[in-house]
């Protein structure tokens, strides 16, 4: 469903996270964002440039402006905030002025000389990565805000780079072009396939193919699980591009590539958070126990893996892809922003024992002097939290799917229904996910439609309940959909109650000596541990069930574990946040956090 038709409840966890990101987008200054673009175009540069990776002496400068345009377009679609629309239009207008001044179609915050080095196979910091980001910004401005100037900027840029790639091939060889792609090029094929779906211009399709990176996609095409030592975020965007290749060409090989890729990442290279990578690279398959440290799960990789899974669910309607999406958003997106502090995010999500976000790789970023790659994907992730909650399906009886339980409203235009979804906060002392759906058909709506509710893999069959207007409905087994077709009436109300259970998941490591390293989850939430000393092992002894060694702490709301080394009982806290930082400090003065812990004495 379009972001224009989905509104998050800003009193919810997801709504507050989106509102915080909106505040950051509004906080950023137009002149400072485009400072280096104007400098490159020999235009006046009022104000001061931003710092970090946007500083005028870094080769990566300009990379954040594309995500800013993408995030603001998606955030505007999600909120229709007029101030944001004015600001994003001003940024785009400034970029168009820079492009017109240069007059070749080229547009960047750094000079074209960086591409001379790229084509000569000389050291340079990923210029096509930045160009992909810059291209994707106007594309989303056109897609979500129907800004025709954005499409003109983008197509002129693509014409320039089509000629550059063509010259490399004609002057050197196609092999020389493929060799140059060993540098990080982002999702160039992704953005070009999407552009082709709008323009139908064969040049855009050809250039998309030329950025397909066959040295990597070829491995996936022959189903070789040898992605170890590859830089994760260099290659996931290429897979997303191949998925768009399937969307626009219907080539089944592209579909098979995306499916196989998701399978091997999930089965061999993913942590319990849903994230992947250590030190930005993939490690050996099923050898993750040795990789838990400060530099796990680069935020960019989670952002991109969500796109992979969303495509796959669209094609297959398989619940497993929706389960993955929920896990990755819950643990790998909501976790990267520091509460309600706009513009403070992390680069990596540390998973090592005793580590914390503040002590992770680069620690917490700053509002105006960080601008890492993960700042760009971070603002995009929070701008589109309304994405992939609802999906629609055509046919004689139109239908829609609810695959994420997030308090929100939906204006389903083709089904002529307005839906309000209210989800109760998840807490430890009441182990259920409860959601209420209220239907309001529009005037003149008379066609029946089908509703499909995901029954997650983490739900327990015992105690699951569903009802429509207080009349009970049968609830299918986990990893399936509860389906209901009817002609909806005003005020129809459906309720769903899903039992949440504690469970463990072994780390993806096939070495017997690491079998006891397990994650502890409560529904989709990965729990973190707190301890006051260096004792990291939970001694379960002869316990045969969770209730023998773990109990909920009532009325506290933070999703984590509280380890009491001197007590036979380990206690669990629930989700969301404490009411104040001082309460947290008082609860465990010397607390340390970990995300995986060794379970001893039981299977």
Protein backbone atom coordinates (compact mmCIF):
# COMPACT_ATOMS: atom_id res chain seq x y z
CA UNK A 1 0.00 0.00 0.00
CA UNK A 2 1.18 3.51 -0.76
CA UNK A 3 2.70 5.48 2.10
CA UNK A 4 0.17 8.20 1.23
CA UNK A 5 -2.57 5.86 2.46
CA UNK A 6 -0.99 4.74 5.74
CA UNK A 7 -0.73 6.82 8.90
CA UNK A 8 1.10 5.66 12.00
CA UNK A 9 -0.32 6.31 15.45
CA UNK A 10 2.23 8.72 16.91
CA UNK A 11 1.49 7.48 20.41
CA UNK A 12 2.91 4.09 19.40
CA UNK A 13 6.54 2.96 19.51
CA UNK A 14 6.82 3.16 15.71
CA UNK A 15 4.98 6.47 15.56
CA UNK A 16 7.29 8.09 18.11
CA UNK A 17 10.32 6.83 16.20
CA UNK A 18 8.97 8.32 12.97
CA UNK A 19 8.16 11.62 14.65
CA UNK A 20 11.71 11.84 16.01
CA UNK A 21 13.13 11.35 12.53
CA UNK A 22 10.75 13.97 11.12
CA UNK A 23 12.10 16.45 13.64
CA UNK A 24 15.62 15.73 12.40
CA UNK A 25 14.67 16.20 8.75
CA UNK A 26 13.14 19.58 9.62
CA UNK A 27 16.20 20.53 11.65
CA UNK A 28 18.66 20.23 8.74
CA UNK A 29 19.53 23.37 6.78
CA UNK A 30 19.16 23.60 3.00
CA UNK A 31 22.25 25.74 2.39
CA UNK A 32 24.45 23.47 4.47
CA UNK A 33 23.13 20.33 2.75
CA UNK A 34 23.93 21.61 -0.75
CA UNK A 35 27.11 23.55 0.14
CA UNK A 36 29.53 21.20 -1.64
CA UNK A 37 27.23 20.84 -4.66
CA UNK A 38 27.33 24.60 -5.11
CA UNK A 39 31.10 24.63 -4.61
CA UNK A 40 31.56 22.01 -7.34
CA UNK A 41 29.31 24.02 -9.69
CA UNK A 42 31.28 27.24 -8.97
CA UNK A 43 28.25 28.90 -7.40
CA UNK A 44 28.19 31.03 -4.27
CA UNK A 45 28.17 29.02 -1.04
CA UNK A 46 26.25 30.77 1.73
CA UNK A 47 26.60 29.36 5.22
CA UNK A 48 28.93 26.59 6.34
CA UNK A 49 29.10 22.97 5.18
CA UNK A 50 28.18 20.10 7.44
CA UNK A 51 30.96 17.93 8.90
CA UNK A 52 31.71 14.23 9.13
CA UNK A 53 31.33 12.36 5.87
CA UNK A 54 29.72 15.46 4.34
CA UNK A 55 32.76 17.66 5.00
CA UNK A 56 34.10 19.38 1.85
CA UNK A 57 37.45 17.56 2.08
CA UNK A 58 36.00 14.02 1.95
CA UNK A 59 35.48 12.15 -1.31
CA UNK A 60 32.18 10.81 0.03
CA UNK A 61 30.57 14.24 0.31
CA UNK A 62 27.11 14.57 -1.15
CA UNK A 63 26.08 11.00 -0.34
CA UNK A 64 23.65 12.10 2.41
CA UNK A 65 21.70 14.54 0.23
CA UNK A 66 20.17 11.76 -1.88
CA UNK A 67 18.85 9.90 1.18
CA UNK A 68 17.63 13.23 2.55
CA UNK A 69 15.52 13.67 -0.58
CA UNK A 70 14.33 10.06 -0.40
CA UNK A 71 13.54 10.22 3.29
CA UNK A 72 11.78 13.58 3.03
CA UNK A 73 9.69 12.35 0.08
CA UNK A 74 8.67 9.22 2.00
CA UNK A 75 8.14 11.16 5.21
CA UNK A 76 6.01 13.70 3.39
CA UNK A 77 3.94 10.88 1.91
CA UNK A 78 3.60 9.46 5.44
CA UNK A 79 2.67 12.75 7.14
CA UNK A 80 1.91 15.43 4.48
CA UNK A 81 3.92 17.88 6.54
CA UNK A 82 3.90 21.10 4.48
CA UNK A 83 7.07 22.52 6.04
CA UNK A 84 8.96 19.40 5.04
CA UNK A 85 7.60 19.60 1.50
CA UNK A 86 8.85 23.17 1.16
CA UNK A 87 12.28 22.19 2.44
CA UNK A 88 12.71 19.16 0.18
CA UNK A 89 11.57 21.20 -2.82
CA UNK A 90 14.19 23.84 -1.96
CA UNK A 91 16.95 21.21 -1.83
CA UNK A 92 15.91 19.79 -5.19
CA UNK A 93 15.71 23.26 -6.75
CA UNK A 94 19.22 24.05 -5.52
CA UNK A 95 20.55 20.82 -7.04
CA UNK A 96 18.85 21.58 -10.35
CA UNK A 97 20.53 25.00 -10.38
CA UNK A 98 23.93 23.34 -9.83
CA UNK A 99 23.28 20.91 -12.66
CA UNK A 100 22.28 23.70 -15.02
CA UNK A 101 25.43 25.64 -14.14
CA UNK A 102 27.68 22.64 -14.91
CA UNK A 103 25.60 22.16 -18.10
CA UNK A 104 26.68 18.58 -18.97
CA UNK A 105 24.09 16.71 -16.93
CA UNK A 106 26.70 15.93 -14.28
CA UNK A 107 25.59 16.54 -10.72
CA UNK A 108 27.56 15.77 -7.58
CA UNK A 109 29.22 17.38 -4.58
CA UNK A 110 32.64 16.34 -5.90
CA UNK A 111 34.25 16.96 -9.30
CA UNK A 112 34.01 14.48 -12.18
CA UNK A 113 37.75 13.81 -11.79
CA UNK A 114 36.85 11.10 -9.27
CA UNK A 115 35.28 9.11 -12.10
CA UNK A 116 38.46 9.45 -14.15
CA UNK A 117 40.23 7.65 -11.31
CA UNK A 118 37.43 5.10 -11.00
CA UNK A 119 37.63 4.22 -14.68
CA UNK A 120 41.44 4.05 -14.52
CA UNK A 121 41.13 1.54 -11.63
CA UNK A 122 42.86 3.94 -9.27
CA UNK A 123 42.02 4.40 -5.56
CA UNK A 124 38.89 6.47 -5.00
CA UNK A 125 36.09 6.39 -2.43
CA UNK A 126 33.07 4.82 -4.14
CA UNK A 127 31.88 7.66 -6.42
CA UNK A 128 29.10 5.57 -7.99
CA UNK A 129 27.76 4.76 -4.53
CA UNK A 130 27.17 8.48 -4.05
CA UNK A 131 25.74 8.88 -7.54
CA UNK A 132 23.27 6.08 -6.85
CA UNK A 133 22.18 7.92 -3.70
CA UNK A 134 21.85 11.24 -5.54
CA UNK A 135 19.84 9.60 -8.35
CA UNK A 136 17.49 7.82 -5.94
CA UNK A 137 16.59 11.10 -4.22
CA UNK A 138 14.98 12.78 -7.23
CA UNK A 139 13.40 9.46 -8.23
CA UNK A 140 11.49 9.30 -4.95
CA UNK A 141 10.69 13.00 -5.15
CA UNK A 142 9.02 12.24 -8.47
CA UNK A 143 7.40 9.00 -7.27
CA UNK A 144 5.94 10.31 -4.01
CA UNK A 145 5.59 14.06 -4.64
CA UNK A 146 5.13 14.06 -8.46
CA UNK A 147 7.91 16.63 -8.81
CA UNK A 148 8.58 16.76 -12.56
CA UNK A 149 11.74 18.80 -12.05
CA UNK A 150 13.13 15.82 -10.14
CA UNK A 151 12.59 13.52 -13.12
CA UNK A 152 14.35 15.98 -15.45
CA UNK A 153 17.34 16.20 -13.10
CA UNK A 154 17.58 12.44 -12.88
CA UNK A 155 17.25 11.66 -16.58
CA UNK A 156 19.87 14.28 -17.48
CA UNK A 157 22.25 12.74 -14.94
CA UNK A 158 21.67 9.26 -16.36
CA UNK A 159 22.36 10.50 -19.90
CA UNK A 160 25.73 11.80 -18.72
CA UNK A 161 26.69 8.51 -17.04
CA UNK A 162 25.41 6.42 -19.94
CA UNK A 163 27.96 8.21 -22.14
CA UNK A 164 30.73 7.70 -19.56
CA UNK A 165 30.15 3.96 -19.34
CA UNK A 166 29.79 3.72 -23.11
CA UNK A 167 33.17 5.45 -23.56
CA UNK A 168 34.89 3.05 -21.13
CA UNK A 169 33.58 0.09 -23.09
CA UNK A 170 34.46 1.57 -26.50
CA UNK A 171 37.91 2.87 -25.55
CA UNK A 172 38.95 -0.05 -23.34
CA UNK A 173 36.62 -3.08 -23.16
CA UNK A 174 33.57 -4.46 -21.43
CA UNK A 175 35.99 -6.32 -19.13
CA UNK A 176 37.42 -3.00 -18.00
CA UNK A 177 33.95 -1.85 -17.03
CA UNK A 178 33.26 -5.06 -15.09
CA UNK A 179 36.63 -4.71 -13.35
CA UNK A 180 35.78 -1.19 -12.21
CA UNK A 181 32.65 -2.55 -10.50
CA UNK A 182 34.85 -4.20 -7.88
CA UNK A 183 34.52 -0.82 -6.15
CA UNK A 184 31.31 -0.18 -4.19
CA UNK A 185 28.68 1.12 -6.63
CA UNK A 186 25.61 1.01 -4.41
CA UNK A 187 22.32 0.17 -6.11
CA UNK A 188 22.99 1.70 -9.52
CA UNK A 189 21.12 -1.17 -11.20
CA UNK A 190 18.27 -0.73 -8.70
CA UNK A 191 17.68 2.95 -9.44
CA UNK A 192 18.10 2.46 -13.21
CA UNK A 193 15.60 -0.39 -13.44
CA UNK A 194 13.14 1.74 -11.49
CA UNK A 195 13.76 4.67 -13.83
CA UNK A 196 13.21 2.42 -16.85
CA UNK A 197 9.83 1.36 -15.41
CA UNK A 198 8.83 5.03 -15.62
CA UNK A 199 10.43 6.16 -18.88
CA UNK A 200 10.59 2.99 -20.98
CA UNK A 201 13.88 4.34 -22.37
CA UNK A 202 16.05 1.44 -23.59
CA UNK A 203 19.23 3.31 -22.60
CA UNK A 204 18.08 3.19 -18.99
CA UNK A 205 17.53 -0.58 -19.26
CA UNK A 206 20.91 -1.17 -20.89
CA UNK A 207 22.73 0.87 -18.26
CA UNK A 208 20.89 -1.02 -15.50
CA UNK A 209 22.14 -4.32 -16.98
CA UNK A 210 25.67 -2.94 -17.11
CA UNK A 211 25.61 -2.35 -13.35
CA UNK A 212 24.31 -5.84 -12.53
CA UNK A 213 27.75 -6.93 -11.26
CA UNK A 214 27.89 -10.43 -12.81
CA UNK A 215 30.88 -11.48 -10.67
CA UNK A 216 28.49 -11.55 -7.70
CA UNK A 217 25.08 -12.25 -9.22
CA UNK A 218 26.66 -15.09 -11.18
CA UNK A 219 27.59 -16.85 -7.94
CA UNK A 220 24.00 -16.61 -6.77
CA UNK A 221 22.67 -17.72 -10.14
CA UNK A 222 24.57 -21.03 -9.83
CA UNK A 223 23.58 -21.22 -6.14
CA UNK A 224 27.08 -21.04 -4.68
CA UNK A 225 27.11 -20.11 -0.99
CA UNK A 226 30.52 -18.47 -1.12
CA UNK A 227 29.65 -14.92 -0.14
CA UNK A 228 32.07 -15.03 2.81
CA UNK A 229 34.61 -12.16 2.78
CA UNK A 230 32.38 -10.09 0.49
CA UNK A 231 31.56 -6.59 1.73
CA UNK A 232 27.91 -6.99 2.67
CA UNK A 233 26.52 -3.56 1.87
CA UNK A 234 28.34 -3.40 -1.45
CA UNK A 235 26.43 -6.43 -2.65
CA UNK A 236 22.96 -6.43 -1.05
CA UNK A 237 21.92 -3.37 -3.13
CA UNK A 238 22.97 -5.24 -6.28
CA UNK A 239 20.59 -8.05 -5.32
CA UNK A 240 17.80 -5.51 -4.80
CA UNK A 241 18.61 -4.22 -8.28
CA UNK A 242 18.24 -7.72 -9.68
CA UNK A 243 14.84 -7.96 -7.99
CA UNK A 244 13.79 -4.78 -9.77
CA UNK A 245 15.21 -6.41 -12.90
CA UNK A 246 12.69 -9.18 -12.42
CA UNK A 247 9.92 -6.67 -11.84
CA UNK A 248 10.54 -4.87 -15.14
CA UNK A 249 11.75 -7.73 -17.39
CA UNK A 250 10.07 -10.82 -15.88
CA UNK A 251 13.37 -12.69 -16.27
CA UNK A 252 12.97 -15.67 -13.87
CA UNK A 253 16.72 -15.82 -13.23
CA UNK A 254 16.53 -12.50 -11.40
CA UNK A 255 13.76 -13.89 -9.22
CA UNK A 256 15.76 -17.03 -8.44
CA UNK A 257 18.82 -14.95 -7.53
CA UNK A 258 16.91 -12.94 -4.92
CA UNK A 259 15.28 -16.04 -3.45
CA UNK A 260 18.55 -17.95 -3.12
CA UNK A 261 20.34 -14.95 -1.67
CA UNK A 262 17.74 -14.50 1.07
CA UNK A 263 17.89 -18.21 1.86
CA UNK A 264 21.64 -18.33 2.39
CA UNK A 265 21.82 -15.09 4.36
CA UNK A 266 19.02 -16.20 6.67
CA UNK A 267 20.29 -19.75 7.12
CA UNK A 268 24.02 -19.06 7.50
CA UNK A 269 24.84 -15.38 8.01
CA UNK A 270 22.11 -13.76 10.17
CA UNK A 271 22.03 -12.97 13.87
CA UNK A 272 18.96 -13.22 16.08
CA UNK A 273 18.28 -9.54 15.40
CA UNK A 274 17.72 -10.32 11.72
CA UNK A 275 20.90 -8.39 10.93
CA UNK A 276 24.01 -9.55 9.15
CA UNK A 277 27.74 -8.72 8.74
CA UNK A 278 30.71 -8.28 11.07
CA UNK A 279 33.08 -5.41 10.41
CA UNK A 280 30.88 -4.75 7.33
CA UNK A 281 31.75 -8.15 5.79
CA UNK A 282 30.15 -11.59 5.69
CA UNK A 283 31.98 -14.18 7.73
CA UNK A 284 32.21 -17.92 7.13
CA UNK A 285 28.76 -19.55 6.88
CA UNK A 286 27.43 -20.93 10.15
CA UNK A 287 30.44 -19.65 12.08
CA UNK A 288 28.82 -16.68 13.80
CA UNK A 289 29.74 -17.54 17.38
CA UNK A 290 33.24 -16.20 16.79
CA UNK A 291 31.97 -12.90 15.39
CA UNK A 292 30.05 -11.36 18.33
CA UNK A 293 31.75 -8.01 18.96
CA UNK A 294 31.34 -4.24 18.67
CA UNK A 295 31.09 -4.15 14.86
CA UNK A 296 28.10 -6.38 14.10
CA UNK A 297 25.13 -5.58 11.90
CA UNK A 298 25.95 -2.45 9.97
CA UNK A 299 22.67 -0.52 9.92
CA UNK A 300 22.78 -0.13 6.14
CA UNK A 301 22.67 -3.90 5.69
CA UNK A 302 19.45 -4.23 7.70
CA UNK A 303 17.86 -1.40 5.70
CA UNK A 304 18.70 -3.22 2.48
CA UNK A 305 17.77 -6.73 3.65
CA UNK A 306 14.30 -5.40 4.47
CA UNK A 307 13.93 -4.42 0.82
CA UNK A 308 14.97 -7.91 -0.29
CA UNK A 309 12.40 -9.54 1.98
CA UNK A 310 9.63 -7.14 0.97
CA UNK A 311 10.11 -7.99 -2.70
CA UNK A 312 10.02 -11.70 -1.91
CA UNK A 313 6.83 -11.42 0.12
CA UNK A 314 5.19 -9.46 -2.69
CA UNK A 315 5.97 -12.29 -5.11
CA UNK A 316 5.23 -15.28 -2.88
CA UNK A 317 3.03 -14.25 0.08
CA UNK A 318 5.20 -16.54 2.21
CA UNK A 319 4.81 -15.81 5.92
CA UNK A 320 8.53 -16.46 6.55
CA UNK A 321 9.47 -13.28 4.68
CA UNK A 322 6.96 -11.25 6.70
CA UNK A 323 8.31 -12.79 9.93
CA UNK A 324 11.81 -11.73 8.91
CA UNK A 325 10.63 -8.21 8.14
CA UNK A 326 9.08 -7.86 11.58
CA UNK A 327 12.18 -9.19 13.33
CA UNK A 328 14.57 -6.92 11.45
CA UNK A 329 12.48 -3.76 11.91
CA UNK A 330 11.88 -4.46 15.59
CA UNK A 331 15.47 -5.27 16.53
CA UNK A 332 17.58 -3.73 13.78
CA UNK A 333 15.80 -0.46 12.90
CA UNK A 334 14.00 0.77 16.01
CA UNK A 335 17.19 0.09 17.97
CA UNK A 336 19.50 2.43 16.02
CA UNK A 337 17.93 5.74 17.09
CA UNK A 338 18.57 7.04 20.61
CA UNK A 339 15.08 7.47 21.99
CA UNK A 340 13.46 10.82 21.17
CA UNK A 341 16.80 12.53 20.44
CA UNK A 342 16.64 13.59 16.75
CA UNK A 343 19.72 12.90 14.67
CA UNK A 344 21.50 10.61 17.13
CA UNK A 345 22.00 7.16 15.61
CA UNK A 346 24.51 4.32 15.52
CA UNK A 347 26.55 2.82 12.70
CA UNK A 348 26.79 -0.75 14.02
CA UNK A 349 24.60 -2.72 16.42
CA UNK A 350 27.09 -4.42 18.81
CA UNK A 351 26.28 -8.00 19.80
CA UNK A 352 29.33 -8.85 21.89
CA UNK A 353 29.02 -9.56 25.60
CA UNK A 354 29.59 -6.47 27.71
CA UNK A 355 29.31 -4.11 24.74
CA UNK A 356 26.92 -1.21 24.36
CA UNK A 357 25.80 1.16 21.63
CA UNK A 358 27.75 4.01 23.19
CA UNK A 359 30.92 1.91 22.96
CA UNK A 360 30.16 0.41 19.57
CA UNK A 361 32.07 1.21 16.40
CA UNK A 362 31.90 5.03 16.22
CA UNK A 363 29.42 5.08 19.15
CA UNK A 364 26.44 7.43 18.95
CA UNK A 365 26.59 9.88 16.07
CA UNK A 366 25.98 13.60 16.25
CA UNK A 367 23.35 15.70 14.54
CA UNK A 368 25.64 17.74 12.26
CA UNK A 369 29.09 16.14 12.24
CA UNK A 370 28.67 12.43 11.52
CA UNK A 371 26.62 11.76 8.36
CA UNK A 372 27.90 8.22 7.97
CA UNK A 373 26.35 6.02 5.31
CA UNK A 374 24.08 4.62 8.04
CA UNK A 375 22.71 8.10 8.71
CA UNK A 376 21.34 8.15 5.18
CA UNK A 377 19.71 4.72 5.40
CA UNK A 378 18.64 5.50 8.97
CA UNK A 379 16.52 8.51 8.04
CA UNK A 380 15.05 6.52 5.16
CA UNK A 381 14.14 3.60 7.43
CA UNK A 382 12.24 5.80 9.88
CA UNK A 383 10.50 7.72 7.09
CA UNK A 384 8.95 4.53 5.72
CA UNK A 385 7.94 2.66 8.86
CA UNK A 386 4.44 2.64 7.37
CA UNK A 387 5.76 0.57 4.46
CA UNK A 388 5.11 -3.19 4.36
CA UNK A 389 2.38 -3.16 7.02
CA UNK A 390 -0.36 -3.59 4.44
CA UNK A 391 -0.35 -5.24 1.01
CA UNK A 392 -3.20 -5.37 -1.48
CA UNK A 393 -4.10 -8.00 -4.05
CA UNK A 394 -6.27 -7.60 -7.13
CA UNK A 395 -8.66 -10.08 -8.65
CA UNK A 396 -12.37 -10.74 -8.75
CA UNK A 397 -12.46 -10.42 -4.98
CA UNK A 398 -9.89 -7.82 -3.97
CA UNK A 399 -7.95 -8.54 -0.83
CA UNK A 400 -5.44 -7.05 1.52
CA UNK A 401 -2.85 -8.49 3.87
CA UNK A 402 -1.79 -7.23 7.27
CA UNK A 403 1.71 -8.54 7.90
CA UNK A 404 2.93 -6.15 10.63
CA UNK A 405 1.01 -5.36 13.79
CA UNK A 406 1.63 -1.64 14.19
CA UNK A 407 -0.95 0.89 15.40
CA UNK A 408 -1.94 2.75 12.25
CA UNK A 409 -4.75 3.64 9.89
CA UNK A 410 -5.20 2.65 6.26
CA UNK A 411 -7.21 4.31 3.52
CA UNK A 412 -7.64 1.36 1.16
CA UNK A 413 -8.77 3.20 -1.93
CA UNK A 414 -9.32 0.30 -4.30
CA UNK A 415 -11.28 -1.59 -1.62
CA UNK A 416 -13.15 1.57 -0.54
CA UNK A 417 -12.48 0.91 3.14
CA UNK A 418 -10.85 2.93 5.90
CA UNK A 419 -9.24 0.68 8.50
CA UNK A 420 -8.07 1.61 11.98
CA UNK A 421 -5.61 -0.79 13.62
CA UNK A 422 -4.90 -0.44 17.34
CA UNK A 423 -2.22 -2.65 18.87
CA UNK A 424 -1.81 -2.84 22.63
CA UNK A 425 1.76 -2.32 23.90
CA UNK A 426 3.53 -5.61 24.50
CA UNK A 427 4.41 -6.16 28.17
CA UNK A 428 6.02 -9.02 30.08
CA UNK A 429 3.26 -9.52 32.65
CA UNK A 430 0.55 -10.07 30.03
CA UNK A 431 2.03 -12.38 27.38
CA UNK A 432 -0.24 -11.57 24.46
CA UNK A 433 -0.21 -9.42 21.37
CA UNK A 434 -3.65 -7.88 21.05
CA UNK A 435 -4.89 -5.91 18.09
CA UNK A 436 -8.28 -4.44 17.21
CA UNK A 437 -9.32 -3.64 13.65
CA UNK A 438 -12.22 -1.27 13.01
CA UNK A 439 -13.66 -1.07 9.48
CA UNK A 440 -15.35 1.97 7.93
CA UNK A 441 -16.53 1.31 4.35
CA UNK A 442 -16.82 4.38 2.19
CA UNK A 443 -20.14 5.58 0.87
CA UNK A 444 -21.21 3.43 -2.06
CA UNK A 445 -18.86 0.56 -1.23
CA UNK A 446 -20.64 -2.71 -1.82
CA UNK A 447 -18.05 -5.18 -3.03
CA UNK A 448 -16.85 -7.92 -0.73
CA UNK A 449 -13.14 -8.23 -0.07
CA UNK A 450 -10.81 -10.57 1.73
CA UNK A 451 -8.72 -9.84 4.81
CA UNK A 452 -5.59 -11.88 5.54
CA UNK A 453 -3.91 -11.59 8.93
CA UNK A 454 -0.43 -13.00 9.48
CA UNK A 455 -0.15 -15.56 12.27
CA UNK A 456 3.54 -15.20 13.13
CA UNK A 457 5.94 -18.06 13.65
CA UNK A 458 6.54 -16.89 17.24
CA UNK A 459 2.87 -17.16 18.25
CA UNK A 460 1.63 -20.06 20.33
CA UNK A 461 -1.46 -21.92 19.10
CA UNK A 462 -2.69 -22.42 22.63
CA UNK A 463 -4.71 -19.39 23.66
CA UNK A 464 -4.89 -17.74 20.24
CA UNK A 465 -8.25 -16.05 19.69
CA UNK A 466 -9.94 -14.11 16.91
CA UNK A 467 -13.42 -12.66 16.62
CA UNK A 468 -15.48 -10.53 14.26
CA UNK A 469 -18.14 -8.48 16.02
CA UNK A 470 -17.65 -10.68 19.11
CA UNK A 471 -18.25 -13.88 17.10
CA UNK A 472 -15.35 -16.31 17.43
CA UNK A 473 -13.27 -17.28 14.42
CA UNK A 474 -10.95 -20.28 14.06
CA UNK A 475 -7.27 -19.32 14.27
CA UNK A 476 -4.92 -21.29 12.02
CA UNK A 477 -1.50 -22.55 13.05
CA UNK A 478 1.50 -20.21 13.19
CA UNK A 479 3.23 -19.37 9.90
CA UNK A 480 -0.04 -19.00 8.04
CA UNK A 481 -2.79 -16.46 7.40
CA UNK A 482 -6.18 -16.08 9.01
CA UNK A 483 -8.39 -15.27 6.03
CA UNK A 484 -11.87 -13.79 6.06
CA UNK A 485 -14.01 -12.66 3.10
CA UNK A 486 -17.09 -10.54 3.64
CA UNK A 487 -18.96 -7.44 2.60
CA UNK A 488 -17.77 -5.10 5.33
CA UNK A 489 -20.27 -2.96 7.23
CA UNK A 490 -19.68 0.31 9.10
CA UNK A 491 -18.38 -0.35 12.57
CA UNK A 492 -17.30 -3.94 11.92
CA UNK A 493 -14.74 -4.78 14.55
CA UNK A 494 -12.27 -7.62 14.51
CA UNK A 495 -10.02 -8.62 17.39
CA UNK A 496 -6.97 -10.84 17.40
CA UNK A 497 -5.11 -12.18 20.43
CA UNK A 498 -1.82 -14.01 19.90
CA UNK A 499 -0.01 -15.64 22.84
CA UNK A 500 3.64 -14.62 23.14
CA UNK A 501 6.09 -17.17 24.47
CA UNK A 502 9.68 -17.05 25.56
CA UNK A 503 11.95 -19.13 23.40
CA UNK A 504 15.61 -19.63 22.62
CA UNK A 505 17.35 -19.74 19.26
CA UNK A 506 20.81 -21.20 18.82
CA UNK A 507 23.34 -19.02 17.07
CA UNK A 508 24.01 -19.97 13.45
CA UNK A 509 27.13 -21.98 14.12
CA UNK A 510 27.44 -25.70 13.36
CA UNK A 511 30.42 -26.30 15.67
CA UNK A 512 29.31 -28.42 18.65
CA UNK A 513 31.31 -26.39 21.17
CA UNK A 514 29.12 -23.35 20.47
CA UNK A 515 25.74 -25.08 20.68
CA UNK A 516 24.97 -23.47 24.05
CA UNK A 517 25.22 -19.90 22.71
CA UNK A 518 21.60 -18.98 22.29
CA UNK A 519 19.48 -15.90 21.94
CA UNK A 520 16.40 -15.44 24.11
CA UNK A 521 13.33 -13.95 22.46
CA UNK A 522 9.91 -12.83 23.58
CA UNK A 523 7.72 -12.88 20.51
CA UNK A 524 9.62 -10.89 17.86
CA UNK A 525 11.74 -9.07 20.46
CA UNK A 526 15.32 -10.11 21.06
CA UNK A 527 16.08 -9.73 24.75
CA UNK A 528 19.25 -8.21 26.12
CA UNK A 529 20.91 -9.23 29.36
CA UNK A 530 22.01 -7.11 32.30
CA UNK A 531 24.57 -8.19 34.84
CA UNK A 532 26.49 -6.39 37.59
CA UNK A 533 29.68 -8.40 37.21
CA UNK A 534 31.53 -10.50 34.62
CA UNK A 535 29.30 -13.53 35.00
CA UNK A 536 27.74 -14.00 31.58
CA UNK A 537 26.45 -17.58 31.82
CA UNK A 538 22.93 -18.45 32.87
CA UNK A 539 23.16 -21.54 35.08
CA UNK A 540 19.90 -23.31 34.37
CA UNK A 541 20.93 -26.49 36.15
CA UNK A 542 18.26 -29.15 35.93
CA UNK A 543 15.51 -26.72 34.99
CA UNK A 544 13.20 -28.06 32.32
CA UNK A 545 11.15 -24.94 31.54
CA UNK A 546 11.61 -21.18 31.44
CA UNK A 547 9.37 -20.70 34.44
CA UNK A 548 11.92 -22.53 36.60
CA UNK A 549 14.51 -19.79 36.16
CA UNK A 550 12.87 -16.70 34.74
CA UNK A 551 9.98 -14.50 35.87
CA UNK A 552 8.58 -11.19 34.59
CA UNK A 553 9.09 -7.99 36.54
CA UNK A 554 5.69 -6.22 36.55
CA UNK A 555 5.10 -2.63 35.52
CA UNK A 556 8.53 -1.97 34.05
CA UNK A 557 8.69 -1.32 30.36
CA UNK A 558 11.98 -2.06 28.73
CA UNK A 559 12.65 -5.12 26.65
CA UNK A 560 15.65 -6.73 28.31
CA UNK A 561 16.80 -9.28 30.85
CA UNK A 562 17.85 -8.61 34.42
CA UNK A 563 20.44 -11.13 35.61
CA UNK A 564 20.79 -11.58 39.35
CA UNK A 565 23.98 -13.61 39.91
CA UNK A 566 23.20 -14.08 43.61
CA UNK A 567 19.64 -15.21 43.00
CA UNK A 568 18.42 -18.53 41.56
CA UNK A 569 15.83 -16.61 39.58
CA UNK A 570 16.59 -14.62 36.45
CA UNK A 571 14.00 -11.97 35.78
CA UNK A 572 12.75 -10.43 32.56
CA UNK A 573 11.66 -6.89 31.89
CA UNK A 574 9.15 -6.08 29.18
CA UNK A 575 9.11 -3.84 26.12
CA UNK A 576 9.30 -0.13 25.29
CA UNK A 577 11.11 2.30 27.68
CA UNK A 578 11.41 3.20 31.33
CA UNK A 579 9.77 6.44 32.38
CA UNK A 580 13.11 8.12 33.10
CA UNK A 581 16.84 7.47 32.73
CA UNK A 582 17.28 7.87 36.48
CA UNK A 583 14.91 4.97 37.11
CA UNK A 584 17.03 2.83 34.85
CA UNK A 585 20.27 3.83 36.57
CA UNK A 586 18.76 3.11 39.98
CA UNK A 587 17.50 -0.29 38.81
CA UNK A 588 20.99 -1.52 37.97
CA UNK A 589 23.78 0.92 38.66
CA UNK A 590 26.56 -1.09 37.08
CA UNK A 591 24.52 -2.80 34.37
CA UNK A 592 26.17 -4.16 31.28
CA UNK A 593 24.36 -5.19 28.16
CA UNK A 594 24.72 -8.24 25.95
CA UNK A 595 22.57 -9.72 23.25
CA UNK A 596 23.68 -13.35 23.28
CA UNK A 597 24.44 -15.37 26.35
CA UNK A 598 25.62 -18.90 27.00
CA UNK A 599 23.07 -21.26 28.47
CA UNK A 600 24.76 -23.86 30.67
CA UNK A 601 23.51 -27.09 32.09
CA UNK A 602 20.57 -27.73 29.78
CA UNK A 603 19.83 -28.47 26.17
